[in-house]
PDB file of all heavy atoms in Angstrom:
ATOM      1  N   LEU A   1     148.838 205.533 -67.677  1.00  0.00           N
ATOM      2  CA  LEU A   1     149.977 205.252 -68.544  1.00  0.00           C
ATOM      3  C   LEU A   1     151.293 205.600 -67.855  1.00  0.00           C
ATOM      4  O   LEU A   1     152.260 204.842 -67.916  1.00  0.00           O
ATOM      5  CB  LEU A   1     149.845 206.033 -69.850  1.00  0.00           C
ATOM      6  CG  LEU A   1     148.737 205.581 -70.807  1.00  0.00           C
ATOM      7  CD1 LEU A   1     148.614 206.564 -71.971  1.00  0.00           C
ATOM      8  CD2 LEU A   1     149.008 204.184 -71.333  1.00  0.00           C
ATOM      9  N   VAL A   2     151.338 206.766 -67.203  1.00  0.00           N
ATOM     10  CA  VAL A   2     152.545 207.177 -66.492  1.00  0.00           C
ATOM     11  C   VAL A   2     152.848 206.204 -65.351  1.00  0.00           C
ATOM     12  O   VAL A   2     153.987 205.764 -65.173  1.00  0.00           O
ATOM     13  CB  VAL A   2     152.417 208.610 -65.954  1.00  0.00           C
ATOM     14  CG1 VAL A   2     153.631 208.972 -65.099  1.00  0.00           C
ATOM     15  CG2 VAL A   2     152.274 209.599 -67.099  1.00  0.00           C
ATOM     16  N   SER A   3     151.811 205.856 -64.587  1.00  0.00           N
ATOM     17  CA  SER A   3     151.999 204.940 -63.461  1.00  0.00           C
ATOM     18  C   SER A   3     152.482 203.578 -63.927  1.00  0.00           C
ATOM     19  O   SER A   3     153.400 202.989 -63.343  1.00  0.00           O
ATOM     20  CB  SER A   3     150.691 204.790 -62.680  1.00  0.00           C
ATOM     21  OG  SER A   3     150.287 206.024 -62.126  1.00  0.00           O
ATOM     22  N   ARG A   4     151.862 203.075 -64.986  1.00  0.00           N
ATOM     23  CA  ARG A   4     152.254 201.770 -65.512  1.00  0.00           C
ATOM     24  C   ARG A   4     153.686 201.825 -66.037  1.00  0.00           C
ATOM     25  O   ARG A   4     154.492 200.916 -65.794  1.00  0.00           O
ATOM     26  CB  ARG A   4     151.299 201.334 -66.618  1.00  0.00           C
ATOM     27  CG  ARG A   4     151.496 199.882 -67.073  1.00  0.00           C
ATOM     28  CD  ARG A   4     150.522 199.507 -68.166  1.00  0.00           C
ATOM     29  NE  ARG A   4     149.154 199.784 -67.788  1.00  0.00           N
ATOM     30  CZ  ARG A   4     148.362 200.639 -68.429  1.00  0.00           C
ATOM     31  NH1 ARG A   4     148.803 201.297 -69.475  1.00  0.00           N
ATOM     32  NH2 ARG A   4     147.122 200.826 -68.022  1.00  0.00           N
ATOM     33  N   GLY A   5     154.009 202.910 -66.772  1.00  0.00           N
ATOM     34  CA  GLY A   5     155.369 203.050 -67.273  1.00  0.00           C
ATOM     35  C   GLY A   5     156.381 203.169 -66.155  1.00  0.00           C
ATOM     36  O   GLY A   5     157.476 202.606 -66.224  1.00  0.00           O
ATOM     37  N   LEU A   6     156.017 203.892 -65.096  1.00  0.00           N
ATOM     38  CA  LEU A   6     156.906 204.057 -63.957  1.00  0.00           C
ATOM     39  C   LEU A   6     157.161 202.729 -63.266  1.00  0.00           C
ATOM     40  O   LEU A   6     158.311 202.349 -63.014  1.00  0.00           O
ATOM     41  CB  LEU A   6     156.309 205.063 -62.967  1.00  0.00           C
ATOM     42  CG  LEU A   6     157.074 205.267 -61.651  1.00  0.00           C
ATOM     43  CD1 LEU A   6     158.470 205.806 -61.924  1.00  0.00           C
ATOM     44  CD2 LEU A   6     156.301 206.204 -60.721  1.00  0.00           C
ATOM     45  N   VAL A   7     156.093 201.998 -62.966  1.00  0.00           N
ATOM     46  CA  VAL A   7     156.242 200.725 -62.262  1.00  0.00           C
ATOM     47  C   VAL A   7     157.000 199.718 -63.126  1.00  0.00           C
ATOM     48  O   VAL A   7     157.872 198.989 -62.633  1.00  0.00           O
ATOM     49  CB  VAL A   7     154.870 200.172 -61.840  1.00  0.00           C
ATOM     50  CG1 VAL A   7     155.035 198.802 -61.193  1.00  0.00           C
ATOM     51  CG2 VAL A   7     154.190 201.125 -60.862  1.00  0.00           C
ATOM     52  N   ASP A   8     156.694 199.668 -64.423  1.00  0.00           N
ATOM     53  CA  ASP A   8     157.407 198.748 -65.317  1.00  0.00           C
ATOM     54  C   ASP A   8     158.891 199.078 -65.356  1.00  0.00           C
ATOM     55  O   ASP A   8     159.743 198.180 -65.390  1.00  0.00           O
ATOM     56  CB  ASP A   8     156.820 198.816 -66.729  1.00  0.00           C
ATOM     57  CG  ASP A   8     155.453 198.136 -66.833  1.00  0.00           C
ATOM     58  OD1 ASP A   8     155.109 197.372 -65.914  1.00  0.00           O
ATOM     59  OD2 ASP A   8     154.746 198.391 -67.824  1.00  0.00           O
ATOM     60  N   SER A   9     159.214 200.364 -65.352  1.00  0.00           N
ATOM     61  CA  SER A   9     160.615 200.774 -65.332  1.00  0.00           C
ATOM     62  C   SER A   9     161.283 200.362 -64.025  1.00  0.00           C
ATOM     63  O   SER A   9     162.393 199.812 -64.023  1.00  0.00           O
ATOM     64  CB  SER A   9     160.722 202.290 -65.521  1.00  0.00           C
ATOM     65  OG  SER A   9     162.040 202.734 -65.285  1.00  0.00           O
ATOM     66  N   LEU A  10     160.597 200.610 -62.908  1.00  0.00           N
ATOM     67  CA  LEU A  10     161.181 200.293 -61.607  1.00  0.00           C
ATOM     68  C   LEU A  10     161.403 198.794 -61.422  1.00  0.00           C
ATOM     69  O   LEU A  10     162.316 198.380 -60.702  1.00  0.00           O
ATOM     70  CB  LEU A  10     160.278 200.832 -60.493  1.00  0.00           C
ATOM     71  CG  LEU A  10     160.161 202.360 -60.424  1.00  0.00           C
ATOM     72  CD1 LEU A  10     159.213 202.770 -59.308  1.00  0.00           C
ATOM     73  CD2 LEU A  10     161.529 203.002 -60.225  1.00  0.00           C
ATOM     74  N   LYS A  11     160.596 197.990 -62.078  1.00  0.00           N
ATOM     75  CA  LYS A  11     160.785 196.537 -62.013  1.00  0.00           C
ATOM     76  C   LYS A  11     162.120 196.137 -62.625  1.00  0.00           C
ATOM     77  O   LYS A  11     162.701 195.122 -62.254  1.00  0.00           O
ATOM     78  CB  LYS A  11     159.636 195.818 -62.723  1.00  0.00           C
ATOM     79  CG  LYS A  11     158.306 195.905 -61.980  1.00  0.00           C
ATOM     80  CD  LYS A  11     157.156 195.403 -62.824  1.00  0.00           C
ATOM     81  CE  LYS A  11     157.238 193.938 -63.118  1.00  0.00           C
ATOM     82  NZ  LYS A  11     156.041 193.446 -63.848  1.00  0.00           N
ATOM     83  N   ASP A  12     162.607 196.938 -63.594  1.00  0.00           N
ATOM     84  CA  ASP A  12     163.858 196.616 -64.275  1.00  0.00           C
ATOM     85  C   ASP A  12     165.048 197.381 -63.718  1.00  0.00           C
ATOM     86  O   ASP A  12     166.174 197.185 -64.171  1.00  0.00           O
ATOM     87  CB  ASP A  12     163.722 196.925 -65.775  1.00  0.00           C
ATOM     88  CG  ASP A  12     162.707 196.026 -66.463  1.00  0.00           C
ATOM     89  OD1 ASP A  12     162.547 194.876 -66.020  1.00  0.00           O
ATOM     90  OD2 ASP A  12     162.062 196.476 -67.434  1.00  0.00           O
ATOM     91  N   VAL A  13     164.803 198.275 -62.757  1.00  0.00           N
ATOM     92  CA  VAL A  13     165.897 199.029 -62.138  1.00  0.00           C
ATOM     93  C   VAL A  13     166.561 198.169 -61.064  1.00  0.00           C
ATOM     94  O   VAL A  13     165.875 197.576 -60.228  1.00  0.00           O
ATOM     95  CB  VAL A  13     165.368 200.342 -61.518  1.00  0.00           C
ATOM     96  CG1 VAL A  13     166.459 201.023 -60.685  1.00  0.00           C
ATOM     97  CG2 VAL A  13     164.896 201.288 -62.615  1.00  0.00           C
ATOM     98  N   ARG A  14     167.886 198.123 -61.072  1.00  0.00           N
ATOM     99  CA  ARG A  14     168.609 197.305 -60.091  1.00  0.00           C
ATOM    100  C   ARG A  14     168.747 198.045 -58.759  1.00  0.00           C
ATOM    101  O   ARG A  14     169.814 198.182 -58.190  1.00  0.00           O
ATOM    102  CB  ARG A  14     169.977 196.898 -60.650  1.00  0.00           C
ATOM    103  CG  ARG A  14     169.875 195.876 -61.763  1.00  0.00           C
ATOM    104  CD  ARG A  14     171.218 195.464 -62.329  1.00  0.00           C
ATOM    105  NE  ARG A  14     171.865 196.539 -63.055  1.00  0.00           N
ATOM    106  CZ  ARG A  14     172.925 197.204 -62.637  1.00  0.00           C
ATOM    107  NH1 ARG A  14     173.475 196.917 -61.471  1.00  0.00           N
ATOM    108  NH2 ARG A  14     173.458 198.170 -63.364  1.00  0.00           N
ATOM    109  N   LEU A  15     167.616 198.538 -58.292  1.00  0.00           N
ATOM    110  CA  LEU A  15     167.442 199.118 -56.963  1.00  0.00           C
ATOM    111  C   LEU A  15     166.059 198.694 -56.498  1.00  0.00           C
ATOM    112  O   LEU A  15     165.191 198.380 -57.331  1.00  0.00           O
ATOM    113  CB  LEU A  15     167.533 200.644 -57.004  1.00  0.00           C
ATOM    114  CG  LEU A  15     168.880 201.269 -57.402  1.00  0.00           C
ATOM    115  CD1 LEU A  15     168.718 202.763 -57.635  1.00  0.00           C
ATOM    116  CD2 LEU A  15     169.945 201.011 -56.341  1.00  0.00           C
ATOM    117  N   ASN A  16     165.820 198.688 -55.218  1.00  0.00           N
ATOM    118  CA  ASN A  16     164.553 198.183 -54.691  1.00  0.00           C
ATOM    119  C   ASN A  16     163.761 199.268 -53.970  1.00  0.00           C
ATOM    120  O   ASN A  16     164.308 200.001 -53.147  1.00  0.00           O
ATOM    121  CB  ASN A  16     164.805 197.007 -53.734  1.00  0.00           C
ATOM    122  CG  ASN A  16     165.423 195.818 -54.437  1.00  0.00           C
ATOM    123  OD1 ASN A  16     164.966 195.422 -55.508  1.00  0.00           O
ATOM    124  ND2 ASN A  16     166.462 195.250 -53.858  1.00  0.00           N
ATOM    125  N   ALA A  17     162.464 199.358 -54.311  1.00  0.00           N
ATOM    126  CA  ALA A  17     161.568 200.273 -53.612  1.00  0.00           C
ATOM    127  C   ALA A  17     161.500 199.860 -52.147  1.00  0.00           C
ATOM    128  O   ALA A  17     161.253 198.708 -51.825  1.00  0.00           O
ATOM    129  CB  ALA A  17     160.174 200.221 -54.244  1.00  0.00           C
ATOM    130  N   GLY A  18     161.712 200.798 -51.282  1.00  0.00           N
ATOM    131  CA  GLY A  18     161.744 200.518 -49.846  1.00  0.00           C
ATOM    132  C   GLY A  18     163.139 200.718 -49.312  1.00  0.00           C
ATOM    133  O   GLY A  18     163.445 201.760 -48.712  1.00  0.00           O
ATOM    134  N   PRO A  19     164.038 199.765 -49.534  1.00  0.00           N
ATOM    135  CA  PRO A  19     165.406 199.936 -49.029  1.00  0.00           C
ATOM    136  C   PRO A  19     166.168 201.071 -49.704  1.00  0.00           C
ATOM    137  O   PRO A  19     166.971 201.753 -49.064  1.00  0.00           O
ATOM    138  CB  PRO A  19     166.065 198.579 -49.340  1.00  0.00           C
ATOM    139  CG  PRO A  19     164.938 197.619 -49.506  1.00  0.00           C
ATOM    140  CD  PRO A  19     163.806 198.419 -50.076  1.00  0.00           C
ATOM    141  N   ASP A  20     165.918 201.294 -51.011  1.00  0.00           N
ATOM    142  CA  ASP A  20     166.725 202.249 -51.770  1.00  0.00           C
ATOM    143  C   ASP A  20     166.003 203.557 -52.095  1.00  0.00           C
ATOM    144  O   ASP A  20     166.657 204.587 -52.296  1.00  0.00           O
ATOM    145  CB  ASP A  20     167.196 201.603 -53.078  1.00  0.00           C
ATOM    146  CG  ASP A  20     168.105 200.413 -52.837  1.00  0.00           C
ATOM    147  OD1 ASP A  20     168.983 200.515 -51.958  1.00  0.00           O
ATOM    148  OD2 ASP A  20     167.924 199.377 -53.507  1.00  0.00           O
ATOM    149  N   TYR A  21     164.694 203.550 -52.195  1.00  0.00           N
ATOM    150  CA  TYR A  21     163.951 204.761 -52.522  1.00  0.00           C
ATOM    151  C   TYR A  21     162.485 204.575 -52.155  1.00  0.00           C
ATOM    152  O   TYR A  21     162.020 203.451 -51.929  1.00  0.00           O
ATOM    153  CB  TYR A  21     164.065 205.099 -54.023  1.00  0.00           C
ATOM    154  CG  TYR A  21     163.506 204.018 -54.930  1.00  0.00           C
ATOM    155  CD1 TYR A  21     162.168 203.998 -55.292  1.00  0.00           C
ATOM    156  CD2 TYR A  21     164.329 203.010 -55.428  1.00  0.00           C
ATOM    157  CE1 TYR A  21     161.649 203.007 -56.097  1.00  0.00           C
ATOM    158  CE2 TYR A  21     163.829 202.014 -56.239  1.00  0.00           C
ATOM    159  CZ  TYR A  21     162.486 202.016 -56.578  1.00  0.00           C
ATOM    160  OH  TYR A  21     161.984 201.016 -57.375  1.00  0.00           O
ATOM    161  N   ASP A  22     161.755 205.698 -52.073  1.00  0.00           N
ATOM    162  CA  ASP A  22     160.316 205.685 -51.841  1.00  0.00           C
ATOM    163  C   ASP A  22     159.609 206.300 -53.041  1.00  0.00           C
ATOM    164  O   ASP A  22     160.218 207.029 -53.834  1.00  0.00           O
ATOM    165  CB  ASP A  22     159.951 206.471 -50.581  1.00  0.00           C
ATOM    166  CG  ASP A  22     160.189 205.672 -49.307  1.00  0.00           C
ATOM    167  OD1 ASP A  22     160.289 204.433 -49.405  1.00  0.00           O
ATOM    168  OD2 ASP A  22     160.288 206.280 -48.235  1.00  0.00           O
ATOM    169  N   VAL A  23     158.315 206.017 -53.166  1.00  0.00           N
ATOM    170  CA  VAL A  23     157.485 206.587 -54.223  1.00  0.00           C
ATOM    171  C   VAL A  23     156.310 207.309 -53.570  1.00  0.00           C
ATOM    172  O   VAL A  23     155.603 206.724 -52.750  1.00  0.00           O
ATOM    173  CB  VAL A  23     156.960 205.514 -55.189  1.00  0.00           C
ATOM    174  CG1 VAL A  23     156.132 206.164 -56.302  1.00  0.00           C
ATOM    175  CG2 VAL A  23     158.108 204.708 -55.786  1.00  0.00           C
ATOM    176  N   VAL A  24     156.113 208.583 -53.925  1.00  0.00           N
ATOM    177  CA  VAL A  24     154.987 209.374 -53.425  1.00  0.00           C
ATOM    178  C   VAL A  24     154.135 209.797 -54.611  1.00  0.00           C
ATOM    179  O   VAL A  24     154.645 210.389 -55.566  1.00  0.00           O
ATOM    180  CB  VAL A  24     155.458 210.614 -52.645  1.00  0.00           C
ATOM    181  CG1 VAL A  24     154.268 211.498 -52.275  1.00  0.00           C
ATOM    182  CG2 VAL A  24     156.219 210.205 -51.392  1.00  0.00           C
ATOM    183  N   PHE A  25     152.851 209.460 -54.567  1.00  0.00           N
ATOM    184  CA  PHE A  25     151.900 209.851 -55.612  1.00  0.00           C
ATOM    185  C   PHE A  25     150.922 210.826 -54.966  1.00  0.00           C
ATOM    186  O   PHE A  25     150.163 210.467 -54.083  1.00  0.00           O
ATOM    187  CB  PHE A  25     151.173 208.620 -56.141  1.00  0.00           C
ATOM    188  CG  PHE A  25     150.312 208.878 -57.364  1.00  0.00           C
ATOM    189  CD1 PHE A  25     150.119 207.888 -58.304  1.00  0.00           C
ATOM    190  CD2 PHE A  25     149.675 210.089 -57.588  1.00  0.00           C
ATOM    191  CE1 PHE A  25     149.328 208.089 -59.435  1.00  0.00           C
ATOM    192  CE2 PHE A  25     148.889 210.321 -58.700  1.00  0.00           C
ATOM    193  CZ  PHE A  25     148.713 209.314 -59.627  1.00  0.00           C
TER     194      PHE A  25
END
């Protein structure tokens, strides 16, 4: 649930995973 909520949120954030931030699980 947390992972799905996180990814769904990041899809709507006007920043991009990779160029702007990283994710560590």
